[in-house]
């Protein structure tokens, strides 16, 4: 067992064996449902855009335009241009020349109105001020509780129209907190807001992993006084044990098609990798070594498995065929490389690397093997890609607290998700499909 305060967790990262069986007392305050987004850094190229305040949104329980602004700014691809006192709604016809004179390439305006049945009618338009054309228009009636989701979907549409790529603002994340002897697995919007409890209890909960369809979470719980892997449906809360074998059961990883899970088991001695179907049946062993093999991650095409092993002396990342076979070492810079996360587009691997005693998020180009370091903090862990492969969420320690951060792939734009006196760990970004 490993003591799970912050110092103990870092000690665990220095011991590969501990990665496959994490347990013990964590002293984290309970996570809250409301987050603050703090953005730092400037990207080299950004689209200048103005997001006007929606007409009558002061009468709405959510500031839709503020949510849209924060989403776009966090992506690193947009420069928000203040419109000052200018105000109009989606029915207007803005003059492109006027806005180009302000340095604005794109403009949005809209309105929010409460309907007789209690729902809110949300409308917006997006204009291209360079070409003088309308790019998008939307009108949707949503219940009060879906206003944030409506705002995220507007941001997604703006992002796609202006970049040609799909946005991720309406996706979800999961993370873990603990307070007063109670552990909680949360599901939240991608900006950390609107968090809901997925599961909670007095025993540790670790290693959440989203199913590819976004309907289920796999995770490890110690509620049975040993590490066991559960799969839980998000909507219904129904769950089942998929790995409860003798010894430790840990580190679930879904195949890209959702048909299989890889888990780390100690049923036959040291930690080794095993594959099973999503029901926990048809178990087969993937690694057979005298080393500790753990923390598997699938490649985007499902043909390869990346994992951590100390077979070379210290923890490094290896790759092997998904069906099993001879592993090859992937990481060589640094003596301690862990927590691989593969991008959905198949181009990148994010991981945690120890550099001069500091644990930092690293990014490897899988095509060339080139490595860059995205962070300058010293206590980073659990990187996870957004479903469009453009952002990475990770946990770090900042200002004496455990916080969640996102970063662009060049490290130029970082956003801190957090609020005073809130500590959160083990983030994982969910897929599209919401």
Protein backbone atom coordinates (compact mmCIF):
# COMPACT_ATOMS: atom_id res chain seq x y z
CA UNK A 1 0.00 0.00 0.00
CA UNK A 2 1.08 3.53 -0.72
CA UNK A 3 0.17 6.57 1.33
CA UNK A 4 -2.02 8.69 -0.90
CA UNK A 5 -1.24 12.21 0.17
CA UNK A 6 0.53 14.30 -2.43
CA UNK A 7 4.01 13.30 -1.34
CA UNK A 8 2.92 9.69 -1.21
CA UNK A 9 1.49 9.84 -4.69
CA UNK A 10 4.76 11.10 -6.04
CA UNK A 11 6.49 8.29 -4.23
CA UNK A 12 4.07 5.95 -5.95
CA UNK A 13 5.08 7.31 -9.32
CA UNK A 14 8.66 6.49 -8.47
CA UNK A 15 7.66 2.90 -7.81
CA UNK A 16 6.15 1.13 -10.78
CA UNK A 17 4.68 -1.51 -8.57
CA UNK A 18 2.63 1.11 -6.81
CA UNK A 19 1.07 2.20 -10.08
CA UNK A 20 -0.74 -1.07 -10.37
CA UNK A 21 -2.11 -1.06 -6.83
CA UNK A 22 -2.84 2.39 -5.45
CA UNK A 23 -4.58 2.53 -2.10
CA UNK A 24 -4.46 4.46 1.12
CA UNK A 25 -5.73 7.69 2.64
CA UNK A 26 -6.04 10.72 0.34
CA UNK A 27 -6.56 14.05 2.06
CA UNK A 28 -8.35 16.03 -0.63
CA UNK A 29 -11.20 18.48 -0.01
CA UNK A 30 -14.44 17.67 -1.77
CA UNK A 31 -14.65 18.86 -5.35
CA UNK A 32 -17.31 21.42 -6.11
CA UNK A 33 -19.55 21.68 -9.15
CA UNK A 34 -18.51 25.25 -10.01
CA UNK A 35 -15.15 25.92 -11.64
CA UNK A 36 -13.27 29.01 -12.63
CA UNK A 37 -11.31 29.13 -15.87
CA UNK A 38 -8.04 31.05 -15.79
CA UNK A 39 -6.28 31.30 -19.15
CA UNK A 40 -2.62 32.14 -19.68
CA UNK A 41 -0.38 32.33 -22.72
CA UNK A 42 -0.75 33.65 -26.26
CA UNK A 43 -0.88 31.54 -29.39
CA UNK A 44 1.02 32.59 -32.50
CA UNK A 45 -2.05 32.63 -34.75
CA UNK A 46 -5.58 33.38 -33.56
CA UNK A 47 -8.86 34.30 -35.25
CA UNK A 48 -10.05 37.71 -33.98
CA UNK A 49 -13.70 37.31 -33.01
CA UNK A 50 -16.31 39.32 -31.15
CA UNK A 51 -18.97 37.50 -29.12
CA UNK A 52 -21.69 40.02 -28.34
CA UNK A 53 -23.74 39.65 -25.22
CA UNK A 54 -27.04 38.00 -26.09
CA UNK A 55 -30.12 40.20 -25.85
CA UNK A 56 -31.99 39.61 -22.57
CA UNK A 57 -29.49 37.05 -21.30
CA UNK A 58 -29.45 38.97 -18.01
CA UNK A 59 -32.87 37.42 -17.46
CA UNK A 60 -31.44 33.94 -18.00
CA UNK A 61 -29.86 31.80 -15.23
CA UNK A 62 -26.78 31.33 -17.43
CA UNK A 63 -24.69 33.83 -19.36
CA UNK A 64 -24.59 31.98 -22.66
CA UNK A 65 -22.23 34.43 -24.34
CA UNK A 66 -19.74 34.24 -21.44
CA UNK A 67 -19.66 30.45 -21.70
CA UNK A 68 -19.06 30.67 -25.45
CA UNK A 69 -16.24 33.20 -24.95
CA UNK A 70 -14.50 31.05 -22.34
CA UNK A 71 -14.78 27.95 -24.52
CA UNK A 72 -13.25 29.61 -27.57
CA UNK A 73 -10.52 31.34 -25.59
CA UNK A 74 -9.53 28.07 -23.92
CA UNK A 75 -8.99 26.45 -27.33
CA UNK A 76 -6.10 28.82 -28.04
CA UNK A 77 -7.31 29.50 -31.60
CA UNK A 78 -9.31 32.67 -31.02
CA UNK A 79 -8.58 36.22 -29.94
CA UNK A 80 -11.59 37.77 -28.22
CA UNK A 81 -12.13 41.38 -29.32
CA UNK A 82 -14.17 43.57 -26.97
CA UNK A 83 -17.10 45.32 -28.67
CA UNK A 84 -17.46 47.98 -26.00
CA UNK A 85 -21.00 49.30 -25.73
CA UNK A 86 -22.15 47.88 -29.07
CA UNK A 87 -25.22 45.68 -28.70
CA UNK A 88 -27.62 44.02 -31.16
CA UNK A 89 -29.19 40.60 -31.69
CA UNK A 90 -29.38 37.95 -34.41
CA UNK A 91 -31.86 39.97 -36.47
CA UNK A 92 -29.30 42.68 -37.22
CA UNK A 93 -27.15 42.99 -40.33
CA UNK A 94 -23.69 44.13 -39.19
CA UNK A 95 -21.55 46.20 -41.54
CA UNK A 96 -18.45 44.13 -42.42
CA UNK A 97 -16.30 47.18 -43.13
CA UNK A 98 -16.99 48.65 -39.69
CA UNK A 99 -15.99 45.46 -37.95
CA UNK A 100 -12.95 44.85 -40.12
CA UNK A 101 -11.88 48.34 -39.06
CA UNK A 102 -12.00 47.07 -35.49
CA UNK A 103 -9.77 44.14 -36.43
CA UNK A 104 -12.63 41.63 -36.21
CA UNK A 105 -12.78 38.68 -38.61
CA UNK A 106 -15.88 36.99 -37.16
CA UNK A 107 -18.85 38.19 -35.16
CA UNK A 108 -21.71 36.54 -33.27
CA UNK A 109 -24.90 37.99 -31.86
CA UNK A 110 -28.10 36.49 -30.52
CA UNK A 111 -30.84 36.47 -27.91
CA UNK A 112 -32.31 34.48 -25.04
CA UNK A 113 -36.04 34.45 -24.25
CA UNK A 114 -38.02 32.53 -21.67
CA UNK A 115 -40.96 30.64 -23.20
CA UNK A 116 -44.36 30.08 -21.65
CA UNK A 117 -43.53 26.45 -20.83
CA UNK A 118 -40.43 27.47 -18.85
CA UNK A 119 -37.90 26.61 -21.53
CA UNK A 120 -35.44 29.11 -22.96
CA UNK A 121 -35.31 30.04 -26.64
CA UNK A 122 -31.65 30.55 -27.54
CA UNK A 123 -30.79 32.12 -30.91
CA UNK A 124 -27.55 33.21 -32.48
CA UNK A 125 -25.89 34.05 -35.79
CA UNK A 126 -22.26 33.90 -36.87
CA UNK A 127 -20.97 36.25 -39.56
CA UNK A 128 -17.72 36.25 -41.52
CA UNK A 129 -16.63 39.90 -41.54
CA UNK A 130 -13.89 39.24 -44.10
CA UNK A 131 -16.23 37.85 -46.76
CA UNK A 132 -19.30 39.66 -45.50
CA UNK A 133 -21.34 36.46 -45.31
CA UNK A 134 -23.37 34.53 -42.77
CA UNK A 135 -21.72 31.31 -41.66
CA UNK A 136 -24.20 29.82 -39.21
CA UNK A 137 -27.55 30.40 -37.54
CA UNK A 138 -29.26 28.45 -34.82
CA UNK A 139 -32.46 28.60 -32.78
CA UNK A 140 -33.08 26.03 -30.06
CA UNK A 141 -35.51 25.74 -27.14
CA UNK A 142 -33.96 24.07 -24.10
CA UNK A 143 -34.91 23.52 -20.46
CA UNK A 144 -33.14 25.56 -17.81
CA UNK A 145 -30.73 22.72 -16.99
CA UNK A 146 -29.53 22.51 -20.61
CA UNK A 147 -28.59 26.16 -21.09
CA UNK A 148 -24.91 25.45 -20.49
CA UNK A 149 -25.00 22.59 -22.98
CA UNK A 150 -26.67 24.86 -25.54
CA UNK A 151 -23.86 27.39 -25.06
CA UNK A 152 -21.20 24.70 -25.49
CA UNK A 153 -22.86 23.53 -28.69
CA UNK A 154 -22.88 27.08 -30.04
CA UNK A 155 -19.15 27.28 -29.29
CA UNK A 156 -18.67 23.93 -31.06
CA UNK A 157 -20.42 25.22 -34.17
CA UNK A 158 -18.43 28.45 -34.21
CA UNK A 159 -15.21 26.49 -33.78
CA UNK A 160 -16.07 24.15 -36.65
CA UNK A 161 -17.18 26.90 -39.02
CA UNK A 162 -14.01 28.92 -38.45
CA UNK A 163 -11.42 26.14 -38.21
CA UNK A 164 -12.91 23.30 -40.25
CA UNK A 165 -12.52 20.95 -37.30
CA UNK A 166 -15.01 19.60 -34.80
CA UNK A 167 -15.19 21.35 -31.44
CA UNK A 168 -15.06 19.60 -28.06
CA UNK A 169 -16.83 22.05 -25.78
CA UNK A 170 -19.99 19.94 -25.41
CA UNK A 171 -18.02 16.84 -24.42
CA UNK A 172 -17.43 15.78 -20.82
CA UNK A 173 -14.60 15.00 -18.45
CA UNK A 174 -14.34 12.78 -15.38
CA UNK A 175 -12.15 13.24 -12.32
CA UNK A 176 -11.76 12.11 -8.71
CA UNK A 177 -11.95 13.96 -5.40
CA UNK A 178 -11.94 13.01 -1.71
CA UNK A 179 -13.10 14.75 1.44
CA UNK A 180 -13.70 13.65 5.01
CA UNK A 181 -13.03 10.02 4.22
CA UNK A 182 -15.34 9.98 1.19
CA UNK A 183 -14.15 9.40 -2.37
CA UNK A 184 -16.11 10.76 -5.33
CA UNK A 185 -15.94 10.18 -9.07
CA UNK A 186 -17.40 13.18 -10.91
CA UNK A 187 -18.64 13.70 -14.45
CA UNK A 188 -18.58 17.32 -15.65
CA UNK A 189 -18.72 19.51 -18.72
CA UNK A 190 -15.43 19.93 -20.55
CA UNK A 191 -14.89 23.26 -18.78
CA UNK A 192 -15.30 21.58 -15.39
CA UNK A 193 -18.73 23.06 -14.70
CA UNK A 194 -22.01 21.27 -13.96
CA UNK A 195 -20.31 18.36 -12.18
CA UNK A 196 -22.44 15.40 -11.14
CA UNK A 197 -21.57 12.46 -8.92
CA UNK A 198 -21.07 9.17 -10.75
CA UNK A 199 -20.13 7.13 -7.70
CA UNK A 200 -19.00 7.87 -4.16
CA UNK A 201 -17.96 5.91 -1.11
CA UNK A 202 -15.53 5.61 1.80
CA UNK A 203 -12.93 3.58 -0.12
CA UNK A 204 -10.51 4.84 -2.79
CA UNK A 205 -11.68 5.28 -6.39
CA UNK A 206 -8.98 5.61 -9.06
CA UNK A 207 -8.21 5.23 -12.77
CA UNK A 208 -11.45 6.32 -14.49
CA UNK A 209 -11.66 5.48 -18.20
CA UNK A 210 -14.42 6.46 -20.64
CA UNK A 211 -15.94 3.92 -22.99
CA UNK A 212 -15.63 5.03 -26.64
CA UNK A 213 -19.37 5.68 -26.90
CA UNK A 214 -19.31 7.92 -23.81
CA UNK A 215 -22.06 5.92 -22.09
CA UNK A 216 -19.95 4.15 -19.48
CA UNK A 217 -16.98 4.65 -17.19
CA UNK A 218 -14.58 1.95 -16.09
CA UNK A 219 -12.79 2.60 -12.82
CA UNK A 220 -11.06 0.93 -9.90
CA UNK A 221 -12.68 0.87 -6.48
CA UNK A 222 -11.40 -0.53 -3.19
CA UNK A 223 -14.89 -0.80 -1.69
CA UNK A 224 -14.53 -4.60 -1.42
CA UNK A 225 -11.26 -4.05 0.53
CA UNK A 226 -9.26 -4.88 -2.59
CA UNK A 227 -8.74 -3.28 -5.98
CA UNK A 228 -11.50 -4.33 -8.40
CA UNK A 229 -12.48 -2.95 -11.81
CA UNK A 230 -16.07 -1.79 -12.34
CA UNK A 231 -17.93 -0.62 -15.43
CA UNK A 232 -20.78 1.81 -14.76
CA UNK A 233 -23.41 3.24 -17.08
CA UNK A 234 -23.50 7.03 -16.80
CA UNK A 235 -27.22 7.54 -17.40
CA UNK A 236 -28.62 4.76 -15.23
CA UNK A 237 -25.88 4.29 -12.65
CA UNK A 238 -26.00 0.54 -13.20
CA UNK A 239 -22.64 -1.13 -12.79
CA UNK A 240 -20.91 -4.47 -12.72
CA UNK A 241 -17.58 -5.94 -11.69
CA UNK A 242 -15.52 -6.88 -14.73
CA UNK A 243 -12.27 -7.75 -12.93
CA UNK A 244 -12.37 -9.14 -9.41
CA UNK A 245 -9.67 -11.76 -9.62
CA UNK A 246 -7.28 -12.88 -6.91
CA UNK A 247 -4.76 -10.14 -6.13
CA UNK A 248 -4.98 -6.64 -7.53
CA UNK A 249 -7.18 -5.61 -10.47
CA UNK A 250 -6.38 -2.18 -11.88
CA UNK A 251 -5.76 0.27 -14.77
CA UNK A 252 -8.68 -0.42 -17.16
CA UNK A 253 -8.25 0.70 -20.78
CA UNK A 254 -10.94 0.46 -23.48
CA UNK A 255 -10.24 -0.64 -27.03
CA UNK A 256 -11.22 1.99 -29.64
CA UNK A 257 -14.28 -0.03 -30.69
CA UNK A 258 -15.38 -0.58 -27.10
CA UNK A 259 -15.43 -4.36 -27.40
CA UNK A 260 -12.44 -5.05 -25.13
CA UNK A 261 -10.77 -3.90 -21.97
CA UNK A 262 -7.16 -4.30 -20.95
CA UNK A 263 -6.55 -4.50 -17.22
CA UNK A 264 -3.51 -4.99 -15.02
CA UNK A 265 -3.75 -8.10 -12.83
CA UNK A 266 -1.50 -9.70 -10.24
CA UNK A 267 -3.41 -13.00 -10.26
CA UNK A 268 -0.33 -14.90 -11.46
CA UNK A 269 2.29 -12.98 -9.50
CA UNK A 270 3.72 -9.69 -10.77
CA UNK A 271 1.57 -7.10 -12.50
CA UNK A 272 0.84 -8.18 -16.06
CA UNK A 273 -1.53 -7.09 -18.82
CA UNK A 274 -4.67 -9.05 -19.65
CA UNK A 275 -7.38 -8.50 -22.24
CA UNK A 276 -11.06 -9.32 -21.79
CA UNK A 277 -14.34 -8.51 -23.46
CA UNK A 278 -16.43 -5.64 -22.10
CA UNK A 279 -18.45 -8.07 -19.95
CA UNK A 280 -15.29 -9.21 -18.17
CA UNK A 281 -15.19 -12.58 -19.92
CA UNK A 282 -12.78 -14.38 -22.27
CA UNK A 283 -9.69 -13.37 -20.31
CA UNK A 284 -6.34 -13.74 -22.07
CA UNK A 285 -2.86 -12.77 -20.94
CA UNK A 286 -0.96 -10.31 -23.12
CA UNK A 287 2.40 -9.98 -21.36
CA UNK A 288 4.54 -12.70 -19.81
CA UNK A 289 7.61 -11.27 -18.17
CA UNK A 290 9.49 -11.07 -14.93
CA UNK A 291 8.92 -7.30 -14.96
CA UNK A 292 6.03 -5.18 -13.81
CA UNK A 293 3.80 -4.32 -16.78
CA UNK A 294 0.92 -1.88 -16.24
CA UNK A 295 -1.00 1.21 -17.43
CA UNK A 296 -2.02 0.09 -20.90
CA UNK A 297 -3.30 2.49 -23.55
CA UNK A 298 -4.60 1.60 -27.02
CA UNK A 299 -3.49 3.21 -30.24
CA UNK A 300 -6.22 5.02 -32.15
CA UNK A 301 -6.42 2.29 -34.81
CA UNK A 302 -6.61 -0.49 -32.21
CA UNK A 303 -3.58 -2.27 -33.64
CA UNK A 304 -1.10 -1.46 -30.87
CA UNK A 305 -0.96 -1.27 -27.09
CA UNK A 306 1.30 1.12 -25.21
CA UNK A 307 2.16 0.32 -21.60
CA UNK A 308 4.58 0.92 -18.74
CA UNK A 309 7.24 -1.60 -17.83
CA UNK A 310 10.35 -1.67 -15.68
CA UNK A 311 11.90 -4.46 -17.74
CA UNK A 312 14.73 -2.10 -18.68
CA UNK A 313 15.42 -1.11 -15.10
CA UNK A 314 13.23 1.97 -14.65
CA UNK A 315 9.68 2.73 -15.77
CA UNK A 316 9.49 3.36 -19.51
CA UNK A 317 6.80 3.22 -22.17
CA UNK A 318 6.69 0.23 -24.52
CA UNK A 319 4.55 -0.72 -27.50
CA UNK A 320 3.35 -4.13 -28.60
CA UNK A 321 0.80 -5.56 -31.08
CA UNK A 322 -2.73 -5.62 -29.68
CA UNK A 323 -2.90 -9.37 -30.20
CA UNK A 324 0.28 -9.82 -28.19
CA UNK A 325 3.91 -10.11 -29.21
CA UNK A 326 7.37 -8.72 -28.59
CA UNK A 327 7.30 -5.25 -27.01
CA UNK A 328 9.51 -2.43 -28.28
CA UNK A 329 10.66 0.48 -26.17
CA UNK A 330 9.19 3.87 -27.16
CA UNK A 331 10.62 6.38 -24.64
CA UNK A 332 14.35 6.94 -24.18
CA UNK A 333 14.73 10.50 -22.90
CA UNK A 334 14.66 10.48 -19.11
CA UNK A 335 14.77 7.66 -16.57
CA UNK A 336 11.09 7.75 -15.59
CA UNK A 337 8.29 7.91 -18.18
CA UNK A 338 4.72 6.92 -17.31
CA UNK A 339 0.99 7.49 -17.97
CA UNK A 340 0.77 7.20 -21.79
CA UNK A 341 -2.24 8.74 -23.52
CA UNK A 342 -2.73 8.36 -27.28
CA UNK A 343 -4.42 11.03 -29.37
CA UNK A 344 -7.58 10.03 -31.25
CA UNK A 345 -6.03 11.14 -34.56
CA UNK A 346 -3.14 8.70 -34.06
CA UNK A 347 -0.41 11.35 -34.29
CA UNK A 348 0.62 11.96 -30.69
CA UNK A 349 1.38 10.39 -27.35
CA UNK A 350 1.22 12.45 -24.18
CA UNK A 351 2.88 11.13 -21.05
CA UNK A 352 4.53 12.18 -17.80
CA UNK A 353 8.31 12.40 -17.80
CA UNK A 354 10.65 13.10 -14.92
CA UNK A 355 13.09 15.85 -15.88
CA UNK A 356 15.60 17.11 -13.33
CA UNK A 357 13.39 15.79 -10.55
CA UNK A 358 10.23 17.43 -11.92
CA UNK A 359 7.28 15.48 -13.32
CA UNK A 360 6.19 17.24 -16.52
CA UNK A 361 3.75 16.54 -19.35
CA UNK A 362 5.62 15.51 -22.49
CA UNK A 363 4.33 15.14 -26.05
CA UNK A 364 5.80 12.71 -28.58
CA UNK A 365 5.22 12.87 -32.32
CA UNK A 366 4.65 9.19 -33.06
CA UNK A 367 5.72 9.68 -36.66
CA UNK A 368 9.15 11.14 -35.91
CA UNK A 369 9.72 10.30 -32.24
CA UNK A 370 10.37 13.98 -31.48
CA UNK A 371 9.53 14.97 -27.90
CA UNK A 372 8.50 18.36 -26.53
CA UNK A 373 7.68 19.32 -22.96
CA UNK A 374 4.42 21.20 -22.60
CA UNK A 375 4.61 22.24 -18.95
CA UNK A 376 7.09 23.91 -16.62
CA UNK A 377 5.47 22.67 -13.41
CA UNK A 378 6.92 19.92 -11.24
CA UNK A 379 4.06 17.69 -10.21
CA UNK A 380 2.02 16.84 -13.30
CA UNK A 381 0.08 13.65 -13.88
CA UNK A 382 -2.71 11.92 -15.82
CA UNK A 383 -2.64 13.60 -19.26
CA UNK A 384 -5.68 12.88 -21.46
CA UNK A 385 -6.48 14.10 -24.98
CA UNK A 386 -9.60 15.89 -26.09
CA UNK A 387 -11.53 13.93 -28.73
CA UNK A 388 -10.35 16.28 -31.50
CA UNK A 389 -6.71 15.76 -30.40
CA UNK A 390 -6.15 19.51 -30.01
CA UNK A 391 -6.09 19.86 -26.22
CA UNK A 392 -4.76 17.87 -23.27
CA UNK A 393 -6.22 17.87 -19.78
CA UNK A 394 -3.95 16.96 -16.88
CA UNK A 395 -3.62 17.31 -13.12
CA UNK A 396 -0.92 19.29 -11.41
CA UNK A 397 -0.13 20.99 -8.13
CA UNK A 398 -0.28 24.76 -8.08
CA UNK A 399 -0.47 27.23 -5.23
CA UNK A 400 -0.52 24.41 -2.68
CA UNK A 401 -3.54 22.76 -4.30
CA UNK A 402 -4.30 19.96 -6.72
CA UNK A 403 -5.86 21.46 -9.85
CA UNK A 404 -6.90 20.55 -13.37
CA UNK A 405 -5.30 22.22 -16.38
CA UNK A 406 -5.72 22.10 -20.11
CA UNK A 407 -2.99 22.89 -22.58
CA UNK A 408 -2.71 23.27 -26.31
CA UNK A 409 -0.33 20.90 -28.08
CA UNK A 410 2.32 23.58 -28.36
CA UNK A 411 1.99 24.49 -24.69
CA UNK A 412 1.24 28.14 -25.56
CA UNK A 413 -2.25 28.36 -24.02
CA UNK A 414 -3.05 26.89 -20.62
CA UNK A 415 -6.34 27.06 -18.79
CA UNK A 416 -6.73 26.30 -15.12
CA UNK A 417 -10.00 24.74 -14.07
CA UNK A 418 -10.53 25.20 -10.38
CA UNK A 419 -11.93 27.15 -7.47
CA UNK A 420 -10.56 28.06 -4.05
CA UNK A 421 -10.08 25.16 -1.65
CA UNK A 422 -10.90 22.53 -4.26
CA UNK A 423 -8.47 19.70 -5.06
CA UNK A 424 -9.11 17.29 -7.93
CA UNK A 425 -7.06 14.52 -9.57
CA UNK A 426 -7.03 11.89 -12.33
CA UNK A 427 -8.87 13.71 -15.10
CA UNK A 428 -9.89 11.87 -18.24
CA UNK A 429 -11.51 13.48 -21.28
CA UNK A 430 -14.59 11.78 -22.64
CA UNK A 431 -15.35 11.09 -26.32
CA UNK A 432 -17.84 12.67 -28.68
CA UNK A 433 -21.36 11.36 -28.51
CA UNK A 434 -23.16 13.51 -25.99
